[in-house]
C-alpha atoms as a PDB file:
ATOM      1  CA  MET A   1      26.168-128.349 -31.920  1.00  0.00           C
ATOM      2  CA  LEU A   2      23.930-131.548 -33.166  1.00  0.00           C
ATOM      3  CA  LEU A   3      24.080-133.328 -29.498  1.00  0.00           C
ATOM      4  CA  SER A   4      25.171-131.127 -26.593  1.00  0.00           C
ATOM      5  CA  ARG A   5      27.335-134.318 -24.330  1.00  0.00           C
ATOM      6  CA  PRO A   6      25.319-137.593 -23.487  1.00  0.00           C
ATOM      7  CA  SER A   7      24.643-137.794 -19.342  1.00  0.00           C
ATOM      8  CA  ALA A   8      25.096-141.997 -19.828  1.00  0.00           C
ATOM      9  CA  ASP A   9      27.362-143.804 -21.673  1.00  0.00           C
ATOM     10  CA  TRP A  10      26.639-144.585 -25.191  1.00  0.00           C
ATOM     11  CA  LEU A  11      27.331-147.128 -28.182  1.00  0.00           C
ATOM     12  CA  ILE A  12      27.066-145.378 -31.469  1.00  0.00           C
ATOM     13  CA  VAL A  13      27.496-147.540 -34.264  1.00  0.00           C
ATOM     14  CA  GLY A  14      27.802-146.501 -38.173  1.00  0.00           C
ATOM     15  CA  LEU A  15      27.384-149.206 -40.590  1.00  0.00           C
ATOM     16  CA  GLY A  16      28.870-148.620 -44.033  1.00  0.00           C
ATOM     17  CA  ASN A  17      30.290-150.316 -46.966  1.00  0.00           C
ATOM     18  CA  PRO A  18      34.078-149.690 -47.887  1.00  0.00           C
ATOM     19  CA  GLY A  19      35.882-148.525 -51.107  1.00  0.00           C
ATOM     20  CA  ARG A  20      35.012-145.545 -53.733  1.00  0.00           C
ATOM     21  CA  GLN A  21      32.131-147.203 -55.800  1.00  0.00           C
ATOM     22  CA  TYR A  22      30.030-146.789 -52.247  1.00  0.00           C
ATOM     23  CA  ALA A  23      30.798-143.204 -51.284  1.00  0.00           C
ATOM     24  CA  GLY A  24      29.034-140.224 -50.882  1.00  0.00           C
ATOM     25  CA  THR A  25      25.685-143.775 -51.182  1.00  0.00           C
ATOM     26  CA  ARG A  26      22.950-144.043 -49.582  1.00  0.00           C
ATOM     27  CA  HIS A  27      25.274-146.984 -48.397  1.00  0.00           C
ATOM     28  CA  ASN A  28      27.162-145.108 -46.704  1.00  0.00           C
ATOM     29  CA  ALA A  29      24.524-142.995 -44.285  1.00  0.00           C
ATOM     30  CA  GLY A  30      24.887-145.056 -41.245  1.00  0.00           C
ATOM     31  CA  PHE A  31      28.514-143.519 -41.389  1.00  0.00           C
ATOM     32  CA  ARG A  32      28.469-141.018 -42.681  1.00  0.00           C
ATOM     33  CA  ALA A  33      25.533-140.317 -39.853  1.00  0.00           C
ATOM     34  CA  LEU A  34      28.574-140.650 -37.710  1.00  0.00           C
ATOM     35  CA  GLN A  35      31.325-139.309 -38.771  1.00  0.00           C
ATOM     36  CA  ALA A  36      29.515-136.259 -39.225  1.00  0.00           C
ATOM     37  CA  LEU A  37      28.061-136.766 -34.926  1.00  0.00           C
ATOM     38  CA  ALA A  38      32.059-138.083 -34.532  1.00  0.00           C
ATOM     39  CA  ALA A  39      33.139-134.424 -35.246  1.00  0.00           C
ATOM     40  CA  ASP A  40      30.191-132.735 -33.621  1.00  0.00           C
ATOM     41  CA  LEU A  41      31.425-134.376 -30.446  1.00  0.00           C
ATOM     42  CA  GLY A  42      35.882-133.454 -31.262  1.00  0.00           C
ATOM     43  CA  CYS A  43      35.697-138.105 -31.494  1.00  0.00           C
ATOM     44  CA  ARG A  44      38.367-138.785 -32.698  1.00  0.00           C
ATOM     45  CA  ILE A  45      38.607-141.912 -35.721  1.00  0.00           C
ATOM     46  CA  ASP A  46      40.994-144.305 -36.928  1.00  0.00           C
ATOM     47  CA  ARG A  47      41.692-146.925 -39.157  1.00  0.00           C
ATOM     48  CA  GLY A  48      41.504-150.571 -37.868  1.00  0.00           C
ATOM     49  CA  LYS A  49      42.136-153.906 -38.951  1.00  0.00           C
ATOM     50  CA  PHE A  50      39.538-155.389 -42.239  1.00  0.00           C
ATOM     51  CA  GLN A  51      39.172-150.686 -43.075  1.00  0.00           C
ATOM     52  CA  SER A  52      37.145-150.686 -39.894  1.00  0.00           C
ATOM     53  CA  LEU A  53      36.803-147.729 -38.045  1.00  0.00           C
ATOM     54  CA  LEU A  54      37.016-146.468 -34.870  1.00  0.00           C
ATOM     55  CA  GLY A  55      35.690-143.753 -32.029  1.00  0.00           C
ATOM     56  CA  THR A  56      37.073-143.717 -28.837  1.00  0.00           C
ATOM     57  CA  CYS A  57      35.655-139.990 -27.108  1.00  0.00           C
ATOM     58  CA  THR A  58      36.388-139.041 -23.900  1.00  0.00           C
ATOM     59  CA  TRP A  59      34.889-137.494 -21.277  1.00  0.00           C
ATOM     60  CA  GLU A  60      35.829-135.179 -18.699  1.00  0.00           C
ATOM     61  CA  GLY A  61      35.669-136.172 -15.149  1.00  0.00           C
ATOM     62  CA  ARG A  62      36.608-139.760 -15.625  1.00  0.00           C
ATOM     63  CA  ARG A  63      38.979-141.884 -14.596  1.00  0.00           C
ATOM     64  CA  LEU A  64      41.788-143.477 -17.213  1.00  0.00           C
ATOM     65  CA  VAL A  65      42.006-146.784 -16.281  1.00  0.00           C
ATOM     66  CA  LEU A  66      44.486-148.731 -19.393  1.00  0.00           C
ATOM     67  CA  GLY A  67      44.832-152.584 -17.592  1.00  0.00           C
ATOM     68  CA  GLY A  68      44.201-152.314 -14.170  1.00  0.00           C
ATOM     69  CA  VAL A  69      46.612-149.003 -13.382  1.00  0.00           C
ATOM     70  CA  GLU A  70      45.101-145.032 -13.331  1.00  0.00           C
ATOM     71  CA  ILE A  71      46.408-143.092 -15.488  1.00  0.00           C
ATOM     72  CA  PRO A  72      46.867-139.043 -14.830  1.00  0.00           C
ATOM     73  CA  TRP A  73      44.577-137.924 -16.585  1.00  0.00           C
ATOM     74  CA  ASP A  74      42.339-134.408 -17.432  1.00  0.00           C
ATOM     75  CA  CYS A  75      39.837-137.306 -19.246  1.00  0.00           C
ATOM     76  CA  GLY A  76      38.768-141.500 -19.728  1.00  0.00           C
ATOM     77  CA  LEU A  77      36.464-142.989 -21.577  1.00  0.00           C
ATOM     78  CA  LEU A  78      33.435-143.928 -20.801  1.00  0.00           C
ATOM     79  CA  GLY A  79      31.780-147.055 -19.574  1.00  0.00           C
ATOM     80  CA  HIS A  80      29.240-148.462 -17.456  1.00  0.00           C
ATOM     81  CA  SER A  81      32.069-150.538 -15.149  1.00  0.00           C
ATOM     82  CA  ASP A  82      35.812-147.908 -14.887  1.00  0.00           C
ATOM     83  CA  ALA A  83      36.054-148.139 -18.202  1.00  0.00           C
ATOM     84  CA  ASP A  84      39.164-149.862 -18.671  1.00  0.00           C
ATOM     85  CA  VAL A  85      39.549-151.356 -22.629  1.00  0.00           C
ATOM     86  CA  LEU A  86      42.826-153.359 -21.506  1.00  0.00           C
ATOM     87  CA  THR A  87      40.713-155.687 -18.373  1.00  0.00           C
ATOM     88  CA  HIS A  88      38.119-155.592 -21.234  1.00  0.00           C
ATOM     89  CA  ALA A  89      39.699-156.904 -24.430  1.00  0.00           C
ATOM     90  CA  VAL A  90      41.276-159.794 -22.191  1.00  0.00           C
ATOM     91  CA  MET A  91      38.444-160.952 -20.132  1.00  0.00           C
ATOM     92  CA  ASP A  92      36.211-160.354 -24.493  1.00  0.00           C
ATOM     93  CA  ALA A  93      38.601-163.313 -25.458  1.00  0.00           C
ATOM     94  CA  PHE A  94      39.051-165.329 -22.529  1.00  0.00           C
ATOM     95  CA  CYS A  95      35.108-166.314 -22.542  1.00  0.00           C
ATOM     96  CA  GLY A  96      35.085-166.622 -26.793  1.00  0.00           C
ATOM     97  CA  ALA A  97      37.488-168.666 -25.950  1.00  0.00           C
ATOM     98  CA  ALA A  98      35.908-170.394 -23.710  1.00  0.00           C
ATOM     99  CA  LYS A  99      32.683-170.017 -25.349  1.00  0.00           C
ATOM    100  CA  LEU A 100      30.750-167.342 -22.643  1.00  0.00           C
ATOM    101  CA  GLY A 101      29.408-164.918 -24.486  1.00  0.00           C
ATOM    102  CA  ASP A 102      30.359-161.134 -24.358  1.00  0.00           C
ATOM    103  CA  ILE A 103      31.221-159.527 -20.998  1.00  0.00           C
ATOM    104  CA  GLY A 104      28.303-157.469 -22.514  1.00  0.00           C
ATOM    105  CA  LYS A 105      26.687-160.004 -22.290  1.00  0.00           C
ATOM    106  CA  LEU A 106      28.096-162.038 -18.349  1.00  0.00           C
ATOM    107  CA  PHE A 107      28.046-158.563 -17.096  1.00  0.00           C
ATOM    108  CA  PRO A 108      24.702-156.255 -18.618  1.00  0.00           C
ATOM    109  CA  ASP A 109      25.631-152.474 -18.261  1.00  0.00           C
ATOM    110  CA  SER A 110      21.643-152.603 -17.773  1.00  0.00           C
ATOM    111  CA  ASP A 111      22.449-153.907 -13.801  1.00  0.00           C
ATOM    112  CA  PRO A 112      23.447-151.517 -11.537  1.00  0.00           C
ATOM    113  CA  ARG A 113      26.285-153.670  -9.644  1.00  0.00           C
ATOM    114  CA  TYR A 114      28.014-153.467 -12.225  1.00  0.00           C
ATOM    115  CA  ALA A 115      28.072-149.534 -12.674  1.00  0.00           C
ATOM    116  CA  GLY A 116      31.502-148.018 -12.152  1.00  0.00           C
ATOM    117  CA  ILE A 117      32.925-151.320 -11.084  1.00  0.00           C
ATOM    118  CA  SER A 118      36.611-151.869 -10.802  1.00  0.00           C
ATOM    119  CA  SER A 119      37.268-154.612 -14.422  1.00  0.00           C
ATOM    120  CA  LEU A 120      39.592-156.416 -12.408  1.00  0.00           C
ATOM    121  CA  GLU A 121      37.061-157.573 -10.426  1.00  0.00           C
ATOM    122  CA  LEU A 122      34.720-158.567 -13.217  1.00  0.00           C
ATOM    123  CA  LEU A 123      38.286-160.439 -14.694  1.00  0.00           C
ATOM    124  CA  ARG A 124      38.622-161.840 -11.110  1.00  0.00           C
ATOM    125  CA  GLN A 125      34.432-163.041 -11.973  1.00  0.00           C
ATOM    126  CA  VAL A 126      35.471-164.361 -15.217  1.00  0.00           C
ATOM    127  CA  ALA A 127      38.478-166.397 -13.782  1.00  0.00           C
ATOM    128  CA  ALA A 128      36.077-168.032 -11.403  1.00  0.00           C
ATOM    129  CA  LEU A 129      33.949-169.070 -13.803  1.00  0.00           C
ATOM    130  CA  LEU A 130      36.988-170.298 -16.410  1.00  0.00           C
ATOM    131  CA  GLN A 131      37.893-172.690 -13.268  1.00  0.00           C
ATOM    132  CA  GLU A 132      33.950-173.339 -12.912  1.00  0.00           C
ATOM    133  CA  ASP A 133      33.452-174.524 -16.609  1.00  0.00           C
ATOM    134  CA  GLY A 134      37.454-175.767 -16.352  1.00  0.00           C
ATOM    135  CA  HIS A 135      39.114-173.998 -18.203  1.00  0.00           C
ATOM    136  CA  ALA A 136      42.177-172.995 -15.861  1.00  0.00           C
END
């Protein structure tokens, strides 16, 4: 086993080039390292848009919240807030359209005020920012 389960939340990115000509080359070292780590930690990697590959890990003891609704499940998503990825995507879309930056800039994970916070509360704060900026 490469690593034990982290005691903190992590975002790990492994970059690589698509296409057979790059398979097994130094151009995909980051992605190959990410594949090995994902396999070791039991993360699933799925194909996304533009030939991207996305992986998400879940951990026991975390709540699973989607769109503000708690889903009864043994494992939840890792995140500094409640890790509600649906609400986060909506907030990022609104913030991006209004050129306010992403939610990582607005609600940094280095700020303890946002640890475990409901993403619906963050959405309320985004709505207020949009209204103040004349977008609502």
